[in-house]
Amino acid sequence: MRKLCPNYDREDGLDTVLEVPIPEEMFNKMGSTAALRWHNLRALMKAQSQSCDRSSFLQAKSSNEFMALLKLVGSPLISFQLQLDNPPSRFVKNASIEASTAKYIVQQYIAATGGQAALNWVNSMYAVGEVKMLGSEMQQGDDSVSAKGNCEAGGFVLWQKNPDLWCLELVVAGFKICAGSNGKVAWNQSSSQPNVAHRGPPRPLRRFFQGLDPRCIASLFSDAVCIAEEKIDNEDCFVLKVEANAATLRAQNSPNTEVVHHTIWGYFSQRTGLLIKFEDTKLVRMKSAKGTDSVFWETSMASTIEDYRYVDAINVAHCGKTVTTLYRYGGAHNHKRKIEETWKIEEVDYNICGLSVETFLPPAEVRRGNDVGEQSVC
């Protein structure tokens, strides 16, 4: 990945450090000459998009639609509040066999990722990675859809101090989005759309649960139940399931939307104890202003997780693939869209010196509380 860009304005000048490292593939698409690529890259670092037609990116019809899809796939949230101060307990009195089994599986996962002592040692995290995205058009009907068209490359930087203190910068195909949480409110922003504060309490970023943060994964599934055994890519797995509670979902509602449910499944290898698939489905009801039938948006995301490696005694995944299906039904027509994202982690580090709460401050508009956005399908 490209982390430095030569100073084309001054031959004796220092290289410019990119805020978000980008793949060489993306850099090469930013212009036909080195000077043009540098000009477009400088515009990108200022959160300005390149002045070119993006109607085909992820099969989107406009830049705003592309940005909405990018937020949907690149920075979705999980409807759960996590507590890392209390490690998952091994046993619970009067618990069902399904709940007790799940707690045992979570303990095996903790051991497989380095042990409770190693996880307790972590107080912050930094990660750099690259992504490639491919999308389908919004197709009518209930038939299956497949992603096709141009494959868009990009990169991201992720900072985290705890599940409620995090910041993500993501660049794909010349578009840049930022998202974060300061422990009180989660938000996202981009150059082409207004800043949005998500309703409800702060929530963790889904990307943490793609094998990147074992602490969050163990905390999330500490109250799960074991519902089945299933084979994933020839690997026998235990399937753990957890549902978002009603109070958390109600806090995300708006006058025009209702979050019906958010369900999560984790597939843990019986051989290694590691999480090899993470899947969740969220259903949002869009209320009609005229009292007619409501429209439902169901977002299903399934991530396969691979290439676990030890970093500072923590076993974390370094690559994987997420398939997102956006399903709209109700009203006159049903529509489906699919987006595939493959990712690769280039760098991970823990216990970052000098990482303060100021790193996670939201934009001024969000801090003033003037811009609370409507509930989105992500």
Protein backbone atom coordinates (compact mmCIF):
# COMPACT_ATOMS: atom_id res chain seq x y z
CA MET A 1 0.00 0.00 0.00
CA ARG A 2 1.11 3.56 -0.69
CA LYS A 3 1.74 5.47 2.54
CA LEU A 4 3.94 8.27 1.16
CA CYS A 5 3.52 10.37 -1.94
CA PRO A 6 6.44 12.23 -3.52
CA ASN A 7 6.35 16.02 -3.43
CA TYR A 8 5.87 16.87 -7.10
CA ASP A 9 5.79 20.60 -6.35
CA ARG A 10 9.36 20.62 -4.97
CA GLU A 11 11.95 18.04 -5.92
CA ASP A 12 13.85 18.63 -2.68
CA GLY A 13 10.69 18.54 -0.55
CA LEU A 14 9.80 15.81 1.90
CA ASP A 15 7.34 13.10 0.91
CA THR A 16 3.77 13.62 2.01
CA VAL A 17 2.39 11.16 4.57
CA LEU A 18 -1.09 10.01 3.56
CA GLU A 19 -3.75 10.15 6.24
CA VAL A 20 -5.22 6.94 4.82
CA PRO A 21 -2.81 4.58 3.02
CA ILE A 22 -4.21 3.49 -0.34
CA PRO A 23 -3.47 0.49 -2.59
CA GLU A 24 -1.24 1.03 -5.59
CA GLU A 25 -4.15 -0.09 -7.78
CA MET A 26 -6.26 2.84 -6.59
CA PHE A 27 -3.41 5.34 -6.93
CA ASN A 28 -2.75 4.28 -10.52
CA LYS A 29 -6.40 4.93 -11.40
CA MET A 30 -6.24 8.52 -10.15
CA GLY A 31 -4.76 9.95 -13.35
CA SER A 32 -2.74 9.26 -16.46
CA THR A 33 0.35 11.16 -15.28
CA ALA A 34 2.21 11.47 -11.99
CA ALA A 35 1.30 15.16 -11.72
CA LEU A 36 -2.40 14.46 -12.24
CA ARG A 37 -2.37 11.63 -9.70
CA TRP A 38 -0.71 13.94 -7.17
CA HIS A 39 -3.30 16.66 -7.84
CA ASN A 40 -6.19 14.21 -7.35
CA LEU A 41 -4.58 12.75 -4.26
CA ARG A 42 -4.22 16.17 -2.65
CA ALA A 43 -7.90 16.83 -3.34
CA LEU A 44 -8.75 13.48 -1.77
CA MET A 45 -6.79 14.27 1.39
CA LYS A 46 -9.01 17.33 1.76
CA ALA A 47 -12.05 15.00 1.63
CA GLN A 48 -12.95 16.24 -1.84
CA SER A 49 -13.97 13.72 -4.45
CA GLN A 50 -12.42 13.61 -7.88
CA SER A 51 -14.38 15.28 -10.63
CA CYS A 52 -15.25 12.22 -12.68
CA ASP A 53 -18.33 10.14 -13.40
CA ARG A 54 -18.94 7.46 -10.77
CA SER A 55 -22.31 6.29 -11.96
CA SER A 56 -21.00 2.76 -12.50
CA PHE A 57 -19.19 2.37 -9.16
CA LEU A 58 -20.85 -0.45 -7.19
CA GLN A 59 -23.55 -0.18 -9.88
CA ALA A 60 -24.66 3.11 -8.27
CA LYS A 61 -26.61 5.65 -10.32
CA SER A 62 -25.17 8.73 -8.58
CA SER A 63 -22.39 9.86 -6.28
CA ASN A 64 -24.83 10.14 -3.37
CA GLU A 65 -26.02 6.58 -3.92
CA PHE A 66 -22.43 5.35 -4.09
CA MET A 67 -21.63 7.17 -0.84
CA ALA A 68 -24.68 5.63 0.87
CA LEU A 69 -23.58 2.15 -0.24
CA LEU A 70 -20.04 2.85 0.91
CA LYS A 71 -21.29 3.75 4.39
CA LEU A 72 -23.54 0.69 4.44
CA VAL A 73 -20.70 -1.73 3.72
CA GLY A 74 -17.72 0.18 5.07
CA SER A 75 -18.91 1.45 8.45
CA PRO A 76 -22.01 -0.38 9.73
CA LEU A 77 -22.64 -0.52 13.48
CA ILE A 78 -23.67 -3.36 15.79
CA SER A 79 -26.76 -2.79 17.97
CA PHE A 80 -25.10 -3.89 21.20
CA GLN A 81 -23.34 -2.16 24.06
CA LEU A 82 -20.25 -4.03 25.25
CA GLN A 83 -18.60 -4.10 28.66
CA LEU A 84 -14.93 -5.05 28.63
CA ASP A 85 -14.44 -4.40 32.35
CA ASN A 86 -16.19 -7.67 33.25
CA PRO A 87 -14.64 -10.70 31.52
CA PRO A 88 -17.16 -13.33 30.35
CA SER A 89 -18.01 -15.70 33.18
CA ARG A 90 -17.52 -19.44 32.81
CA PHE A 91 -20.74 -20.59 34.41
CA VAL A 92 -24.14 -19.20 35.33
CA LYS A 93 -26.46 -20.76 37.88
CA ASN A 94 -29.75 -22.07 36.51
CA ALA A 95 -28.60 -21.35 32.94
CA SER A 96 -29.91 -23.43 30.06
CA ILE A 97 -27.67 -26.01 28.42
CA GLU A 98 -27.55 -23.78 25.31
CA ALA A 99 -26.32 -20.77 27.32
CA SER A 100 -23.81 -22.83 29.33
CA THR A 101 -22.44 -24.38 26.16
CA ALA A 102 -22.04 -20.94 24.59
CA LYS A 103 -20.06 -19.70 27.59
CA TYR A 104 -17.74 -22.69 27.32
CA ILE A 105 -17.21 -21.99 23.59
CA VAL A 106 -16.44 -18.33 24.35
CA GLN A 107 -13.83 -19.41 26.91
CA GLN A 108 -12.22 -21.64 24.29
CA TYR A 109 -12.19 -18.70 21.88
CA ILE A 110 -10.48 -16.49 24.49
CA ALA A 111 -7.81 -19.14 24.97
CA ALA A 112 -7.34 -19.51 21.20
CA THR A 113 -6.79 -15.76 20.74
CA GLY A 114 -4.15 -15.42 23.46
CA GLY A 115 -5.86 -15.90 26.81
CA GLN A 116 -7.65 -13.55 29.19
CA ALA A 117 -4.42 -12.05 30.54
CA ALA A 118 -3.26 -11.06 27.06
CA LEU A 119 -6.65 -9.54 26.21
CA ASN A 120 -6.72 -7.61 29.50
CA TRP A 121 -3.33 -6.11 28.57
CA VAL A 122 -4.86 -4.31 25.56
CA ASN A 123 -6.11 -0.76 26.13
CA SER A 124 -6.06 0.60 22.57
CA MET A 125 -5.63 -0.53 18.97
CA TYR A 126 -4.61 0.74 15.54
CA ALA A 127 -5.16 -1.03 12.22
CA VAL A 128 -4.48 -0.28 8.54
CA GLY A 129 -6.04 -2.31 5.77
CA GLU A 130 -7.07 -2.38 2.14
CA VAL A 131 -10.47 -3.24 0.67
CA LYS A 132 -11.92 -4.18 -2.69
CA MET A 133 -15.64 -3.80 -3.39
CA LEU A 134 -17.92 -5.15 -6.08
CA GLY A 135 -21.65 -4.45 -6.36
CA SER A 136 -24.80 -5.43 -8.22
CA GLU A 137 -27.61 -3.25 -9.46
CA MET A 138 -30.85 -3.01 -7.50
CA GLN A 139 -32.82 -5.85 -9.07
CA GLN A 140 -36.56 -6.35 -8.88
CA GLY A 141 -38.05 -9.57 -7.53
CA ASP A 142 -36.98 -12.23 -5.05
CA ASP A 143 -34.47 -14.00 -7.28
CA SER A 144 -30.83 -14.26 -6.24
CA VAL A 145 -28.45 -11.52 -7.34
CA SER A 146 -24.72 -11.54 -8.02
CA ALA A 147 -22.18 -8.73 -7.76
CA LYS A 148 -20.61 -7.64 -11.03
CA GLY A 149 -19.07 -4.66 -12.78
CA ASN A 150 -16.03 -2.63 -11.75
CA CYS A 151 -14.03 -3.70 -8.71
CA GLU A 152 -13.23 -0.62 -6.62
CA ALA A 153 -10.11 -0.55 -4.43
CA GLY A 154 -9.48 1.46 -1.29
CA GLY A 155 -7.91 1.58 2.15
CA PHE A 156 -8.81 2.39 5.73
CA VAL A 157 -7.30 3.42 9.06
CA LEU A 158 -8.99 2.43 12.31
CA TRP A 159 -8.26 3.72 15.81
CA GLN A 160 -9.86 2.34 18.98
CA LYS A 161 -9.51 2.97 22.70
CA ASN A 162 -12.50 0.90 23.79
CA PRO A 163 -15.70 -0.26 22.05
CA ASP A 164 -17.26 3.18 22.51
CA LEU A 165 -14.17 5.20 21.53
CA TRP A 166 -13.23 4.57 17.91
CA CYS A 167 -12.56 6.39 14.65
CA LEU A 168 -12.52 5.09 11.07
CA GLU A 169 -11.30 6.77 7.87
CA LEU A 170 -12.14 4.90 4.68
CA VAL A 171 -11.20 5.82 1.10
CA VAL A 172 -12.63 3.92 -1.89
CA ALA A 173 -12.48 4.98 -5.55
CA GLY A 174 -11.64 8.57 -4.64
CA PHE A 175 -14.43 8.93 -2.06
CA LYS A 176 -13.63 9.40 1.61
CA ILE A 177 -15.87 8.81 4.60
CA CYS A 178 -15.16 9.24 8.30
CA ALA A 179 -17.06 7.59 11.14
CA GLY A 180 -16.53 7.43 14.85
CA SER A 181 -17.80 7.42 18.39
CA ASN A 182 -16.73 9.58 21.33
CA GLY A 183 -18.41 7.41 23.96
CA LYS A 184 -21.62 9.46 23.87
CA VAL A 185 -22.65 9.55 20.23
CA ALA A 186 -21.72 7.68 17.05
CA TRP A 187 -21.50 9.67 13.82
CA ASN A 188 -20.39 9.64 10.20
CA GLN A 189 -19.45 12.31 7.68
CA SER A 190 -18.35 12.71 4.08
CA SER A 191 -17.58 15.50 1.67
CA SER A 192 -20.77 15.08 -0.35
CA GLN A 193 -23.32 14.48 2.45
CA PRO A 194 -24.11 16.25 5.73
CA ASN A 195 -22.75 15.02 9.04
CA VAL A 196 -25.05 12.47 10.69
CA ALA A 197 -25.31 11.50 14.36
CA HIS A 198 -26.78 8.04 14.85
CA ARG A 199 -29.74 7.73 17.17
CA GLY A 200 -29.43 5.82 20.40
CA PRO A 201 -26.44 5.05 22.61
CA PRO A 202 -22.97 4.70 21.06
CA ARG A 203 -22.39 1.38 19.34
CA PRO A 204 -19.27 -0.50 18.23
CA LEU A 205 -18.16 -0.72 14.63
CA ARG A 206 -18.93 -4.03 12.91
CA ARG A 207 -15.40 -4.26 11.51
CA PHE A 208 -14.08 -5.02 15.03
CA PHE A 209 -16.00 -8.31 14.97
CA GLN A 210 -14.39 -9.56 11.77
CA GLY A 211 -11.69 -11.27 13.83
CA LEU A 212 -9.91 -7.99 14.57
CA ASP A 213 -10.78 -7.43 18.25
CA PRO A 214 -11.12 -10.63 20.33
CA ARG A 215 -12.17 -8.61 23.39
CA CYS A 216 -15.26 -7.25 21.64
CA ILE A 217 -16.12 -10.64 20.15
CA ALA A 218 -15.90 -12.41 23.52
CA SER A 219 -18.00 -9.72 25.19
CA LEU A 220 -20.63 -9.80 22.43
CA PHE A 221 -21.15 -13.58 22.63
CA SER A 222 -20.94 -13.81 26.43
CA ASP A 223 -24.76 -13.82 26.58
CA ALA A 224 -25.29 -15.94 23.47
CA VAL A 225 -26.85 -19.38 23.13
CA CYS A 226 -25.47 -22.31 21.16
CA ILE A 227 -28.14 -23.22 18.63
CA ALA A 228 -26.50 -25.70 16.26
CA GLU A 229 -23.42 -27.26 14.72
CA GLU A 230 -22.59 -26.48 11.10
CA LYS A 231 -19.80 -27.10 8.61
CA ILE A 232 -18.22 -23.93 7.13
CA ASP A 233 -15.62 -24.50 4.40
CA ASN A 234 -15.08 -28.10 5.61
CA GLU A 235 -14.61 -26.86 9.18
CA ASP A 236 -16.98 -28.16 11.88
CA CYS A 237 -18.32 -25.18 13.83
CA PHE A 238 -20.47 -24.34 16.81
CA VAL A 239 -23.11 -21.74 15.97
CA LEU A 240 -23.77 -19.08 18.63
CA LYS A 241 -26.70 -16.68 18.38
CA VAL A 242 -27.43 -13.40 20.16
CA GLU A 243 -30.31 -10.93 19.79
CA ALA A 244 -30.22 -7.18 20.44
CA ASN A 245 -32.48 -6.28 23.34
CA ALA A 246 -35.67 -4.30 22.82
CA ALA A 247 -34.48 -1.22 24.76
CA THR A 248 -31.39 -0.81 22.57
CA LEU A 249 -33.47 -1.13 19.41
CA ARG A 250 -36.10 1.37 20.61
CA ALA A 251 -33.38 3.95 21.26
CA GLN A 252 -32.47 3.84 17.56
CA ASN A 253 -36.03 4.48 16.35
CA SER A 254 -37.18 7.75 14.81
CA PRO A 255 -40.67 9.06 14.00
CA ASN A 256 -40.41 7.48 10.54
CA THR A 257 -38.42 4.31 11.24
CA GLU A 258 -38.52 1.33 13.55
CA VAL A 259 -35.70 -1.17 14.08
CA VAL A 260 -37.57 -4.47 14.28
CA HIS A 261 -34.65 -6.76 15.15
CA HIS A 262 -30.88 -7.19 14.92
CA THR A 263 -29.72 -10.81 15.14
CA ILE A 264 -26.10 -12.03 15.15
CA TRP A 265 -24.57 -15.46 14.58
CA GLY A 266 -20.99 -16.49 15.28
CA TYR A 267 -19.45 -19.65 13.82
CA PHE A 268 -16.61 -20.94 16.03
CA SER A 269 -14.31 -23.70 14.80
CA GLN A 270 -14.50 -26.89 16.87
CA ARG A 271 -10.88 -27.61 15.94
CA THR A 272 -9.16 -24.28 16.68
CA GLY A 273 -11.74 -22.42 18.78
CA LEU A 274 -11.44 -19.37 16.50
CA LEU A 275 -14.27 -17.36 14.95
CA ILE A 276 -14.36 -18.17 11.23
CA LYS A 277 -17.68 -16.59 10.22
CA PHE A 278 -19.64 -13.62 11.56
CA GLU A 279 -23.15 -12.99 10.32
CA ASP A 280 -25.86 -10.49 11.22
CA THR A 281 -29.27 -9.42 9.93
CA LYS A 282 -31.00 -6.14 10.67
CA LEU A 283 -34.61 -5.33 9.79
CA VAL A 284 -35.84 -1.73 9.63
CA ARG A 285 -39.43 -0.71 9.03
CA MET A 286 -39.92 2.56 7.13
CA LYS A 287 -43.27 4.04 8.10
CA SER A 288 -45.43 5.65 5.46
CA ALA A 289 -46.52 9.23 6.07
CA LYS A 290 -49.87 8.59 4.36
CA GLY A 291 -50.75 5.56 6.45
CA THR A 292 -50.36 3.05 3.62
CA ASP A 293 -48.33 -0.15 3.80
CA SER A 294 -44.88 0.18 5.33
CA VAL A 295 -41.66 -0.63 3.50
CA PHE A 296 -39.09 -2.94 5.09
CA TRP A 297 -35.33 -2.85 4.55
CA GLU A 298 -33.43 -5.98 5.56
CA THR A 299 -29.64 -5.81 5.61
CA SER A 300 -27.81 -9.14 5.87
CA MET A 301 -24.02 -9.26 6.18
CA ALA A 302 -21.95 -12.45 6.27
CA SER A 303 -18.18 -12.27 6.84
CA THR A 304 -15.83 -15.20 6.39
CA ILE A 305 -12.65 -14.68 8.41
CA GLU A 306 -9.19 -16.08 7.61
CA ASP A 307 -5.44 -15.84 8.14
CA TYR A 308 -5.13 -15.58 11.91
CA ARG A 309 -1.71 -14.37 13.07
CA TYR A 310 -0.26 -13.39 16.43
CA VAL A 311 0.44 -9.70 17.01
CA ASP A 312 1.82 -8.90 20.48
CA ALA A 313 0.47 -12.23 21.79
CA ILE A 314 -3.03 -11.52 20.38
CA ASN A 315 -4.28 -13.85 17.63
CA VAL A 316 -6.17 -11.69 15.09
CA ALA A 317 -7.52 -12.31 11.58
CA HIS A 318 -5.76 -10.59 8.69
CA CYS A 319 -8.12 -11.09 5.76
CA GLY A 320 -11.64 -12.09 4.84
CA LYS A 321 -14.69 -11.41 2.73
CA THR A 322 -18.06 -9.83 3.52
CA VAL A 323 -21.17 -10.33 1.39
CA THR A 324 -23.90 -7.75 2.02
CA THR A 325 -27.45 -8.24 0.74
CA LEU A 326 -29.84 -5.31 0.86
CA TYR A 327 -33.45 -6.45 0.49
CA ARG A 328 -36.38 -4.02 0.15
CA TYR A 329 -39.90 -5.39 0.31
CA GLY A 330 -43.39 -4.08 0.90
CA GLY A 331 -45.29 -1.60 -1.23
CA ALA A 332 -45.50 -2.23 -4.95
CA HIS A 333 -42.20 -4.03 -5.61
CA ASN A 334 -39.48 -6.07 -3.97
CA HIS A 335 -35.83 -5.24 -4.76
CA LYS A 336 -32.46 -6.78 -3.93
CA ARG A 337 -28.87 -5.57 -4.16
CA LYS A 338 -25.64 -7.38 -3.27
CA ILE A 339 -22.22 -5.92 -2.50
CA GLU A 340 -19.07 -7.96 -1.90
CA GLU A 341 -16.07 -6.65 0.03
CA THR A 342 -12.74 -8.39 0.44
CA TRP A 343 -10.30 -6.93 2.96
CA LYS A 344 -6.73 -7.43 4.04
CA ILE A 345 -5.09 -6.10 7.19
CA GLU A 346 -1.65 -4.62 6.53
CA GLU A 347 -0.76 -3.42 10.04
CA VAL A 348 -2.09 -3.96 13.56
CA ASP A 349 -0.66 -2.54 16.76
CA TYR A 350 -1.84 -2.31 20.36
CA ASN A 351 -1.50 0.07 23.30
CA ILE A 352 -0.84 3.17 21.21
CA CYS A 353 1.08 5.84 23.10
CA GLY A 354 -0.49 9.30 23.15
CA LEU A 355 -3.93 8.16 21.95
CA SER A 356 -6.24 10.49 23.87
CA VAL A 357 -9.99 11.08 23.89
CA GLU A 358 -9.47 14.13 21.65
CA THR A 359 -8.70 11.71 18.82
CA PHE A 360 -12.35 10.67 18.81
CA LEU A 361 -14.07 14.06 18.86
CA PRO A 362 -17.02 14.24 16.42
CA PRO A 363 -17.50 17.08 13.92
CA ALA A 364 -18.59 20.43 15.36
CA GLU A 365 -22.12 20.06 13.98
CA VAL A 366 -22.61 16.80 15.85
CA ARG A 367 -21.11 18.21 19.06
CA ARG A 368 -23.61 21.06 18.96
CA GLY A 369 -26.40 18.54 18.65
CA ASN A 370 -27.95 20.24 15.63
CA ASP A 371 -27.77 17.30 13.24
CA VAL A 372 -29.33 14.06 14.48
CA GLY A 373 -29.91 11.93 11.43
CA GLU A 374 -32.80 9.67 10.59
CA GLN A 375 -32.33 5.96 11.11
CA SER A 376 -30.68 4.41 8.07
CA VAL A 377 -30.77 0.83 6.88
CA CYS A 378 -27.15 0.36 8.04
